[in-house]
Amino acid sequence: MITGAGSGIGRATALLLAENGASIVVADINESGGHETVKMVKAAGGEAAFVRADVRSRDDVAAMVAFTKETYGGLDIAYNNAGVGTPGPRFPEAKPEDWERTFMIDLLAVVACVQAQVPAMKERGGGVIISTASIAGLMGYMPDPIYAAAKHGVVGLTRSMEFLQAEANIRVNCVCPGVVDTPMVRQVRDNADPQARAQAEAMLAAMPLMEPRTIAEAVLELIRDDSANGRAMAITYGRPAREVEAPMRFGRPDPAQQRRG
């Protein structure tokens, strides 16, 4: 089961997991995108079914899990990938309804999904849960502090649930991508205020866009690695997180430059 599978990372992961024999429940609020992903999976010889789900709704989340069980007999792998950026002005100028939406989708919906997925996996004797966090969940991200805070929450949730492996044979991990070429990234960049857009462009100059397939391959690696549990996997073209800390914090004055000036 993959949320946010109607485009970007979710779609790429659906295609890759189907290539490797998984039956895919494509979950998305975007019906046209979700149906297109199903068509792509089936055209490649895979098996997939679509369910419309707004991850902000606990009823939709419960229905999504129920659909998975009814369609394929159970839930073995869940990838909580749906996410958004904070539109408009950067925090603290951002409107409360905007940053509340970011927290709801990027963090609280992940919590709700995990809570619904665990009982279904216990019925199967175990499983794997993976969520999309971000490299911004491991360090500061000045263009969108609210997004960074939400993704820090996903990392914290992941690391704090490794006990499920011993209790229920369920492994919980997350991927922490750098900047990926997805519709969400393009939309956030285009709708950002001038200061946030300038910071984002500076970051992109130092950290090139990755393809969604790169993240999908990391998800597959975490699924296959039985030792992976409570792991937050940073994905930045193979560079360790410390090497990308500066670009992710663009916009902060450089004390060395201030002293030289």
C-alpha atoms as a PDB file:
ATOM      1  CA  MET A   1       0.000   0.000   0.000  1.00  0.00           C
ATOM      2  CA  ILE A   2       1.467   3.317  -1.113  1.00  0.00           C
ATOM      3  CA  THR A   3      -0.012   6.713  -0.280  1.00  0.00           C
ATOM      4  CA  GLY A   4       0.629   9.617  -2.603  1.00  0.00           C
ATOM      5  CA  ALA A   5       1.122   7.093  -5.402  1.00  0.00           C
ATOM      6  CA  GLY A   6      -0.545   9.202  -8.086  1.00  0.00           C
ATOM      7  CA  SER A   7       2.710  10.930  -9.045  1.00  0.00           C
ATOM      8  CA  GLY A   8       6.363  11.468  -8.205  1.00  0.00           C
ATOM      9  CA  ILE A   9       8.064   9.238  -5.653  1.00  0.00           C
ATOM     10  CA  GLY A  10       4.914   7.251  -4.915  1.00  0.00           C
ATOM     11  CA  ARG A  11       4.365   6.393  -8.573  1.00  0.00           C
ATOM     12  CA  ALA A  12       8.014   5.464  -9.099  1.00  0.00           C
ATOM     13  CA  THR A  13       7.887   3.208  -6.041  1.00  0.00           C
ATOM     14  CA  ALA A  14       4.664   1.559  -7.186  1.00  0.00           C
ATOM     15  CA  LEU A  15       6.284   0.731 -10.517  1.00  0.00           C
ATOM     16  CA  LEU A  16       9.494  -0.589  -8.953  1.00  0.00           C
ATOM     17  CA  LEU A  17       7.799  -2.731  -6.309  1.00  0.00           C
ATOM     18  CA  ALA A  18       5.435  -4.152  -8.921  1.00  0.00           C
ATOM     19  CA  GLU A  19       8.471  -5.026 -11.055  1.00  0.00           C
ATOM     20  CA  ASN A  20       9.692  -6.999  -8.064  1.00  0.00           C
ATOM     21  CA  GLY A  21       6.482  -8.971  -7.641  1.00  0.00           C
ATOM     22  CA  ALA A  22       4.397  -6.902  -5.235  1.00  0.00           C
ATOM     23  CA  SER A  23       0.681  -6.308  -5.727  1.00  0.00           C
ATOM     24  CA  ILE A  24       0.165  -2.574  -5.277  1.00  0.00           C
ATOM     25  CA  VAL A  25      -2.650  -0.592  -3.704  1.00  0.00           C
ATOM     26  CA  VAL A  26      -2.286   2.870  -5.212  1.00  0.00           C
ATOM     27  CA  ALA A  27      -3.745   5.379  -2.742  1.00  0.00           C
ATOM     28  CA  ASP A  28      -4.096   9.059  -3.567  1.00  0.00           C
ATOM     29  CA  ILE A  29      -6.504  11.963  -3.271  1.00  0.00           C
ATOM     30  CA  ASN A  30      -5.849  12.640  -6.964  1.00  0.00           C
ATOM     31  CA  GLU A  31      -8.054  10.124  -8.741  1.00  0.00           C
ATOM     32  CA  SER A  32      -6.774  10.770 -12.256  1.00  0.00           C
ATOM     33  CA  GLY A  33      -3.157  10.449 -11.145  1.00  0.00           C
ATOM     34  CA  GLY A  34      -3.916   7.309  -9.165  1.00  0.00           C
ATOM     35  CA  HIS A  35      -5.702   5.618 -12.047  1.00  0.00           C
ATOM     36  CA  GLU A  36      -2.820   6.552 -14.345  1.00  0.00           C
ATOM     37  CA  THR A  37      -0.350   4.868 -11.992  1.00  0.00           C
ATOM     38  CA  VAL A  38      -2.468   1.711 -11.999  1.00  0.00           C
ATOM     39  CA  LYS A  39      -2.487   1.738 -15.803  1.00  0.00           C
ATOM     40  CA  MET A  40       1.288   2.136 -15.872  1.00  0.00           C
ATOM     41  CA  VAL A  41       1.802  -0.748 -13.443  1.00  0.00           C
ATOM     42  CA  LYS A  42      -0.487  -3.040 -15.408  1.00  0.00           C
ATOM     43  CA  ALA A  43       1.060  -2.020 -18.731  1.00  0.00           C
ATOM     44  CA  ALA A  44       4.404  -3.163 -17.326  1.00  0.00           C
ATOM     45  CA  GLY A  45       2.917  -6.528 -16.368  1.00  0.00           C
ATOM     46  CA  GLY A  46       2.250  -5.795 -12.700  1.00  0.00           C
ATOM     47  CA  GLU A  47      -0.832  -5.923 -10.494  1.00  0.00           C
ATOM     48  CA  ALA A  48      -2.386  -2.811  -8.941  1.00  0.00           C
ATOM     49  CA  ALA A  49      -5.672  -1.358  -7.749  1.00  0.00           C
ATOM     50  CA  PHE A  50      -6.627   2.218  -6.906  1.00  0.00           C
ATOM     51  CA  VAL A  51      -8.340   3.559  -3.805  1.00  0.00           C
ATOM     52  CA  ARG A  52      -9.082   7.225  -3.308  1.00  0.00           C
ATOM     53  CA  ALA A  53      -7.858   8.367   0.089  1.00  0.00           C
ATOM     54  CA  ASP A  54      -7.436  11.699   1.820  1.00  0.00           C
ATOM     55  CA  VAL A  55      -4.878  10.839   4.488  1.00  0.00           C
ATOM     56  CA  ARG A  56      -6.171  13.697   6.648  1.00  0.00           C
ATOM     57  CA  SER A  57      -9.319  11.619   7.209  1.00  0.00           C
ATOM     58  CA  ARG A  58      -9.075   8.761   9.684  1.00  0.00           C
ATOM     59  CA  ASP A  59     -12.104   7.193   8.000  1.00  0.00           C
ATOM     60  CA  ASP A  60     -10.292   7.258   4.648  1.00  0.00           C
ATOM     61  CA  VAL A  61      -7.175   5.769   6.222  1.00  0.00           C
ATOM     62  CA  ALA A  62      -9.193   2.943   7.779  1.00  0.00           C
ATOM     63  CA  ALA A  63     -10.988   2.348   4.480  1.00  0.00           C
ATOM     64  CA  MET A  64      -7.654   2.280   2.651  1.00  0.00           C
ATOM     65  CA  VAL A  65      -6.341  -0.485   4.898  1.00  0.00           C
ATOM     66  CA  ALA A  66      -9.632  -2.387   4.647  1.00  0.00           C
ATOM     67  CA  PHE A  67      -9.505  -2.113   0.850  1.00  0.00           C
ATOM     68  CA  THR A  68      -5.996  -3.551   0.847  1.00  0.00           C
ATOM     69  CA  LYS A  69      -7.061  -6.521   2.945  1.00  0.00           C
ATOM     70  CA  GLU A  70     -10.164  -7.166   0.855  1.00  0.00           C
ATOM     71  CA  THR A  71      -8.357  -6.823  -2.482  1.00  0.00           C
ATOM     72  CA  TYR A  72      -5.138  -8.701  -1.790  1.00  0.00           C
ATOM     73  CA  GLY A  73      -5.844 -10.670   1.368  1.00  0.00           C
ATOM     74  CA  GLY A  74      -3.735  -8.630   3.749  1.00  0.00           C
ATOM     75  CA  LEU A  75      -1.130  -5.921   4.221  1.00  0.00           C
ATOM     76  CA  ASP A  76       2.571  -6.776   4.210  1.00  0.00           C
ATOM     77  CA  ILE A  77       4.266  -3.535   3.103  1.00  0.00           C
ATOM     78  CA  ALA A  78       3.084   0.034   3.670  1.00  0.00           C
ATOM     79  CA  TYR A  79       4.756   3.120   2.277  1.00  0.00           C
ATOM     80  CA  ASN A  80       3.427   6.358   3.789  1.00  0.00           C
ATOM     81  CA  ASN A  81       4.558   8.793   1.142  1.00  0.00           C
ATOM     82  CA  ALA A  82       1.835  11.440   0.774  1.00  0.00           C
ATOM     83  CA  GLY A  83       3.137  14.905   1.613  1.00  0.00           C
ATOM     84  CA  VAL A  84       2.981  18.630   0.932  1.00  0.00           C
ATOM     85  CA  GLY A  85       5.067  21.748   1.399  1.00  0.00           C
ATOM     86  CA  THR A  86       3.882  24.943   3.080  1.00  0.00           C
ATOM     87  CA  PRO A  87       2.511  27.345   0.448  1.00  0.00           C
ATOM     88  CA  GLY A  88       2.795  31.110   0.447  1.00  0.00           C
ATOM     89  CA  PRO A  89       4.904  33.153   2.869  1.00  0.00           C
ATOM     90  CA  ARG A  90       7.564  31.438   4.927  1.00  0.00           C
ATOM     91  CA  PHE A  91       6.984  30.882   8.657  1.00  0.00           C
ATOM     92  CA  PRO A  92       6.457  32.910  10.848  1.00  0.00           C
ATOM     93  CA  GLU A  93       4.537  34.957   8.271  1.00  0.00           C
ATOM     94  CA  ALA A  94       2.720  31.840   7.008  1.00  0.00           C
ATOM     95  CA  LYS A  95      -1.013  31.647   7.630  1.00  0.00           C
ATOM     96  CA  PRO A  96      -2.033  29.254  10.427  1.00  0.00           C
ATOM     97  CA  GLU A  97      -4.255  27.273   8.074  1.00  0.00           C
ATOM     98  CA  ASP A  98      -1.270  26.700   5.776  1.00  0.00           C
ATOM     99  CA  TRP A  99       1.164  25.398   8.388  1.00  0.00           C
ATOM    100  CA  GLU A 100      -1.599  23.402  10.102  1.00  0.00           C
ATOM    101  CA  ARG A 101      -2.252  21.643   6.777  1.00  0.00           C
ATOM    102  CA  THR A 102       1.449  20.842   6.441  1.00  0.00           C
ATOM    103  CA  PHE A 103       1.566  19.285   9.914  1.00  0.00           C
ATOM    104  CA  MET A 104      -1.660  17.395   9.282  1.00  0.00           C
ATOM    105  CA  ILE A 105      -0.511  15.766   6.031  1.00  0.00           C
ATOM    106  CA  ASP A 106       3.231  15.438   6.605  1.00  0.00           C
ATOM    107  CA  LEU A 107       3.152  14.206  10.213  1.00  0.00           C
ATOM    108  CA  LEU A 108      -0.245  13.517  11.771  1.00  0.00           C
ATOM    109  CA  ALA A 109      -1.462  11.577   8.735  1.00  0.00           C
ATOM    110  CA  VAL A 110       1.638   9.394   8.942  1.00  0.00           C
ATOM    111  CA  VAL A 111       0.826   8.702  12.590  1.00  0.00           C
ATOM    112  CA  ALA A 112      -2.755   7.794  11.652  1.00  0.00           C
ATOM    113  CA  CYS A 113      -1.586   5.527   8.838  1.00  0.00           C
ATOM    114  CA  VAL A 114       0.895   3.685  11.049  1.00  0.00           C
ATOM    115  CA  GLN A 115      -1.744   3.231  13.727  1.00  0.00           C
ATOM    116  CA  ALA A 116      -4.099   1.651  11.180  1.00  0.00           C
ATOM    117  CA  GLN A 117      -1.418  -0.442   9.470  1.00  0.00           C
ATOM    118  CA  VAL A 118       0.065  -2.142  12.524  1.00  0.00           C
ATOM    119  CA  PRO A 119      -3.022  -4.238  13.430  1.00  0.00           C
ATOM    120  CA  ALA A 120      -3.370  -5.367   9.809  1.00  0.00           C
ATOM    121  CA  MET A 121       0.272  -6.449   9.750  1.00  0.00           C
ATOM    122  CA  LYS A 122      -0.051  -8.264  13.059  1.00  0.00           C
ATOM    123  CA  GLU A 123      -2.734 -10.377  11.405  1.00  0.00           C
ATOM    124  CA  ARG A 124      -0.129 -11.412   8.818  1.00  0.00           C
ATOM    125  CA  GLY A 125       2.592 -12.138  11.346  1.00  0.00           C
ATOM    126  CA  GLY A 126       4.638  -9.032  10.548  1.00  0.00           C
ATOM    127  CA  GLY A 127       5.454  -6.516   7.857  1.00  0.00           C
ATOM    128  CA  VAL A 128       7.382  -3.430   6.865  1.00  0.00           C
ATOM    129  CA  ILE A 129       6.318   0.202   7.259  1.00  0.00           C
ATOM    130  CA  ILE A 130       8.262   2.930   5.483  1.00  0.00           C
ATOM    131  CA  SER A 131       7.508   6.649   5.481  1.00  0.00           C
ATOM    132  CA  THR A 132       8.834   9.545   3.464  1.00  0.00           C
ATOM    133  CA  ALA A 133      10.616  12.018   5.722  1.00  0.00           C
ATOM    134  CA  SER A 134      13.227  14.345   4.205  1.00  0.00           C
ATOM    135  CA  ILE A 135      16.824  15.432   4.552  1.00  0.00           C
ATOM    136  CA  ALA A 136      15.085  18.468   6.084  1.00  0.00           C
ATOM    137  CA  GLY A 137      14.010  16.116   8.866  1.00  0.00           C
ATOM    138  CA  LEU A 138      17.653  15.643   9.837  1.00  0.00           C
ATOM    139  CA  MET A 139      18.752  19.292   9.839  1.00  0.00           C
ATOM    140  CA  GLY A 140      17.461  22.831   9.344  1.00  0.00           C
ATOM    141  CA  TYR A 141      15.656  23.898   6.169  1.00  0.00           C
ATOM    142  CA  MET A 142      15.247  27.659   6.008  1.00  0.00           C
ATOM    143  CA  PRO A 143      12.917  27.883   2.968  1.00  0.00           C
ATOM    144  CA  ASP A 144      10.196  25.999   4.903  1.00  0.00           C
ATOM    145  CA  PRO A 145      10.710  25.605   8.682  1.00  0.00           C
ATOM    146  CA  ILE A 146       7.257  24.072   9.174  1.00  0.00           C
ATOM    147  CA  TYR A 147       7.945  21.359   6.610  1.00  0.00           C
ATOM    148  CA  ALA A 148      11.253  20.639   8.350  1.00  0.00           C
ATOM    149  CA  ALA A 149       9.557  20.427  11.745  1.00  0.00           C
ATOM    150  CA  ALA A 150       6.960  17.977  10.424  1.00  0.00           C
ATOM    151  CA  LYS A 151       9.613  15.799   8.811  1.00  0.00           C
ATOM    152  CA  HIS A 152      11.656  15.825  12.040  1.00  0.00           C
ATOM    153  CA  GLY A 153       8.511  14.372  13.593  1.00  0.00           C
ATOM    154  CA  VAL A 154       8.410  11.557  11.046  1.00  0.00           C
ATOM    155  CA  VAL A 155      12.045  10.722  11.796  1.00  0.00           C
ATOM    156  CA  GLY A 156      11.343  10.744  15.527  1.00  0.00           C
ATOM    157  CA  LEU A 157       8.302   8.509  15.115  1.00  0.00           C
ATOM    158  CA  THR A 158      10.294   6.064  13.010  1.00  0.00           C
ATOM    159  CA  ARG A 159      13.207   5.822  15.416  1.00  0.00           C
ATOM    160  CA  SER A 160      10.875   5.460  18.388  1.00  0.00           C
ATOM    161  CA  MET A 161       8.912   2.520  16.950  1.00  0.00           C
ATOM    162  CA  GLU A 162      11.721   0.040  16.418  1.00  0.00           C
ATOM    163  CA  PHE A 163      10.304  -1.912  19.367  1.00  0.00           C
ATOM    164  CA  LEU A 164       7.655  -3.265  16.993  1.00  0.00           C
ATOM    165  CA  GLN A 165      10.180  -5.658  15.483  1.00  0.00           C
ATOM    166  CA  ALA A 166      10.556  -7.553  18.745  1.00  0.00           C
ATOM    167  CA  GLU A 167       6.881  -7.332  19.642  1.00  0.00           C
ATOM    168  CA  ALA A 168       5.220  -7.992  16.289  1.00  0.00           C
ATOM    169  CA  ASN A 169       7.886  -8.651  13.622  1.00  0.00           C
ATOM    170  CA  ILE A 170       7.134  -5.250  12.078  1.00  0.00           C
ATOM    171  CA  ARG A 171      10.040  -3.104  10.910  1.00  0.00           C
ATOM    172  CA  VAL A 172       9.600   0.681  10.722  1.00  0.00           C
ATOM    173  CA  ASN A 173      11.948   2.868   8.647  1.00  0.00           C
ATOM    174  CA  CYS A 174      11.896   6.127   6.714  1.00  0.00           C
ATOM    175  CA  VAL A 175      13.653   7.612   3.713  1.00  0.00           C
ATOM    176  CA  CYS A 176      15.054  11.136   3.941  1.00  0.00           C
ATOM    177  CA  PRO A 177      15.517  12.422   0.388  1.00  0.00           C
ATOM    178  CA  GLY A 178      17.217  15.569  -0.720  1.00  0.00           C
ATOM    179  CA  VAL A 179      15.378  17.528  -3.386  1.00  0.00           C
ATOM    180  CA  VAL A 180      13.517  15.305  -5.835  1.00  0.00           C
ATOM    181  CA  ASP A 181      12.024  16.285  -9.183  1.00  0.00           C
ATOM    182  CA  THR A 182       8.333  15.859  -8.333  1.00  0.00           C
ATOM    183  CA  PRO A 183       5.143  17.860  -8.971  1.00  0.00           C
ATOM    184  CA  MET A 184       5.052  18.814  -5.274  1.00  0.00           C
ATOM    185  CA  VAL A 185       8.551  20.311  -5.342  1.00  0.00           C
ATOM    186  CA  ARG A 186       7.811  22.281  -8.496  1.00  0.00           C
ATOM    187  CA  GLN A 187       4.521  23.573  -7.089  1.00  0.00           C
ATOM    188  CA  VAL A 188       6.046  24.669  -3.787  1.00  0.00           C
ATOM    189  CA  ARG A 189       8.915  26.405  -5.578  1.00  0.00           C
ATOM    190  CA  ASP A 190       6.569  28.225  -7.956  1.00  0.00           C
ATOM    191  CA  ASN A 191       4.224  29.355  -5.158  1.00  0.00           C
ATOM    192  CA  ALA A 192       6.867  30.405  -2.635  1.00  0.00           C
ATOM    193  CA  ASP A 193       7.464  34.021  -1.679  1.00  0.00           C
ATOM    194  CA  PRO A 194      10.513  35.675  -3.308  1.00  0.00           C
ATOM    195  CA  GLN A 195      12.823  35.156  -0.323  1.00  0.00           C
ATOM    196  CA  ALA A 196      11.968  31.473   0.062  1.00  0.00           C
ATOM    197  CA  ARG A 197      12.223  30.965  -3.698  1.00  0.00           C
ATOM    198  CA  ALA A 198      15.685  32.530  -3.756  1.00  0.00           C
ATOM    199  CA  GLN A 199      16.804  30.258  -0.917  1.00  0.00           C
ATOM    200  CA  ALA A 200      15.385  27.229  -2.720  1.00  0.00           C
ATOM    201  CA  GLU A 201      17.145  28.133  -5.960  1.00  0.00           C
ATOM    202  CA  ALA A 202      20.439  28.524  -4.098  1.00  0.00           C
ATOM    203  CA  MET A 203      19.918  25.130  -2.504  1.00  0.00           C
ATOM    204  CA  LEU A 204      19.169  23.518  -5.879  1.00  0.00           C
ATOM    205  CA  ALA A 205      22.355  24.981  -7.312  1.00  0.00           C
ATOM    206  CA  ALA A 206      24.344  23.130  -4.645  1.00  0.00           C
ATOM    207  CA  MET A 207      22.222  19.972  -4.553  1.00  0.00           C
ATOM    208  CA  PRO A 208      20.894  18.829  -7.965  1.00  0.00           C
ATOM    209  CA  LEU A 209      17.413  17.385  -8.289  1.00  0.00           C
ATOM    210  CA  MET A 210      17.169  13.633  -7.900  1.00  0.00           C
ATOM    211  CA  GLU A 211      14.875  11.388  -9.898  1.00  0.00           C
ATOM    212  CA  PRO A 212      11.954   9.707  -8.067  1.00  0.00           C
ATOM    213  CA  ARG A 213      13.322   6.300  -9.085  1.00  0.00           C
ATOM    214  CA  THR A 214      16.345   6.908  -6.838  1.00  0.00           C
ATOM    215  CA  ILE A 215      14.080   7.145  -3.801  1.00  0.00           C
ATOM    216  CA  ALA A 216      12.073   4.125  -4.919  1.00  0.00           C
ATOM    217  CA  GLU A 217      15.282   2.088  -5.005  1.00  0.00           C
ATOM    218  CA  ALA A 218      16.047   3.146  -1.424  1.00  0.00           C
ATOM    219  CA  VAL A 219      12.564   2.048  -0.351  1.00  0.00           C
ATOM    220  CA  LEU A 220      13.122  -1.338  -1.969  1.00  0.00           C
ATOM    221  CA  GLU A 221      16.464  -1.656  -0.181  1.00  0.00           C
ATOM    222  CA  LEU A 222      14.815  -1.016   3.197  1.00  0.00           C
ATOM    223  CA  ILE A 223      12.135  -3.586   2.421  1.00  0.00           C
ATOM    224  CA  ARG A 224      14.694  -6.244   1.526  1.00  0.00           C
ATOM    225  CA  ASP A 225      17.141  -5.561   4.372  1.00  0.00           C
ATOM    226  CA  ASP A 226      15.885  -7.563   7.343  1.00  0.00           C
ATOM    227  CA  SER A 227      18.314  -5.722   9.617  1.00  0.00           C
ATOM    228  CA  ALA A 228      16.851  -2.302   8.742  1.00  0.00           C
ATOM    229  CA  ASN A 229      14.701  -1.107  11.614  1.00  0.00           C
ATOM    230  CA  GLY A 230      14.273   2.349  13.129  1.00  0.00           C
ATOM    231  CA  ARG A 231      16.454   3.674  10.330  1.00  0.00           C
ATOM    232  CA  ALA A 232      16.248   7.148   8.765  1.00  0.00           C
ATOM    233  CA  MET A 233      18.035   6.734   5.433  1.00  0.00           C
ATOM    234  CA  ALA A 234      19.452   9.967   4.001  1.00  0.00           C
ATOM    235  CA  ILE A 235      19.503  10.027   0.195  1.00  0.00           C
ATOM    236  CA  THR A 236      21.590  12.772  -1.389  1.00  0.00           C
ATOM    237  CA  TYR A 237      23.337  11.223  -4.379  1.00  0.00           C
ATOM    238  CA  GLY A 238      25.378   9.142  -1.981  1.00  0.00           C
ATOM    239  CA  ARG A 239      26.731  12.100  -0.029  1.00  0.00           C
ATOM    240  CA  PRO A 240      26.496  11.889   3.770  1.00  0.00           C
ATOM    241  CA  ALA A 241      24.134  14.366   5.408  1.00  0.00           C
ATOM    242  CA  ARG A 242      26.910  16.534   6.846  1.00  0.00           C
ATOM    243  CA  GLU A 243      27.996  17.440   3.299  1.00  0.00           C
ATOM    244  CA  VAL A 244      24.619  18.939   2.442  1.00  0.00           C
ATOM    245  CA  GLU A 245      23.999  20.772   5.707  1.00  0.00           C
ATOM    246  CA  ALA A 246      25.148  24.155   4.390  1.00  0.00           C
ATOM    247  CA  PRO A 247      22.966  24.203   1.251  1.00  0.00           C
ATOM    248  CA  MET A 248      19.946  23.200   3.315  1.00  0.00           C
ATOM    249  CA  ARG A 249      20.475  26.262   5.508  1.00  0.00           C
ATOM    250  CA  PHE A 250      20.820  28.889   2.796  1.00  0.00           C
ATOM    251  CA  GLY A 251      19.680  32.348   3.850  1.00  0.00           C
ATOM    252  CA  ARG A 252      21.475  32.405   7.180  1.00  0.00           C
ATOM    253  CA  PRO A 253      24.258  35.022   7.299  1.00  0.00           C
ATOM    254  CA  ASP A 254      27.771  33.595   7.084  1.00  0.00           C
ATOM    255  CA  PRO A 255      29.644  34.823  10.198  1.00  0.00           C
ATOM    256  CA  ALA A 256      32.987  34.480   8.395  1.00  0.00           C
ATOM    257  CA  GLN A 257      31.819  36.710   5.566  1.00  0.00           C
ATOM    258  CA  GLN A 258      30.422  39.227   8.046  1.00  0.00           C
ATOM    259  CA  ARG A 259      33.808  39.394   9.774  1.00  0.00           C
ATOM    260  CA  ARG A 260      35.592  39.866   6.461  1.00  0.00           C
ATOM    261  CA  GLY A 261      33.169  42.623   5.468  1.00  0.00           C
END
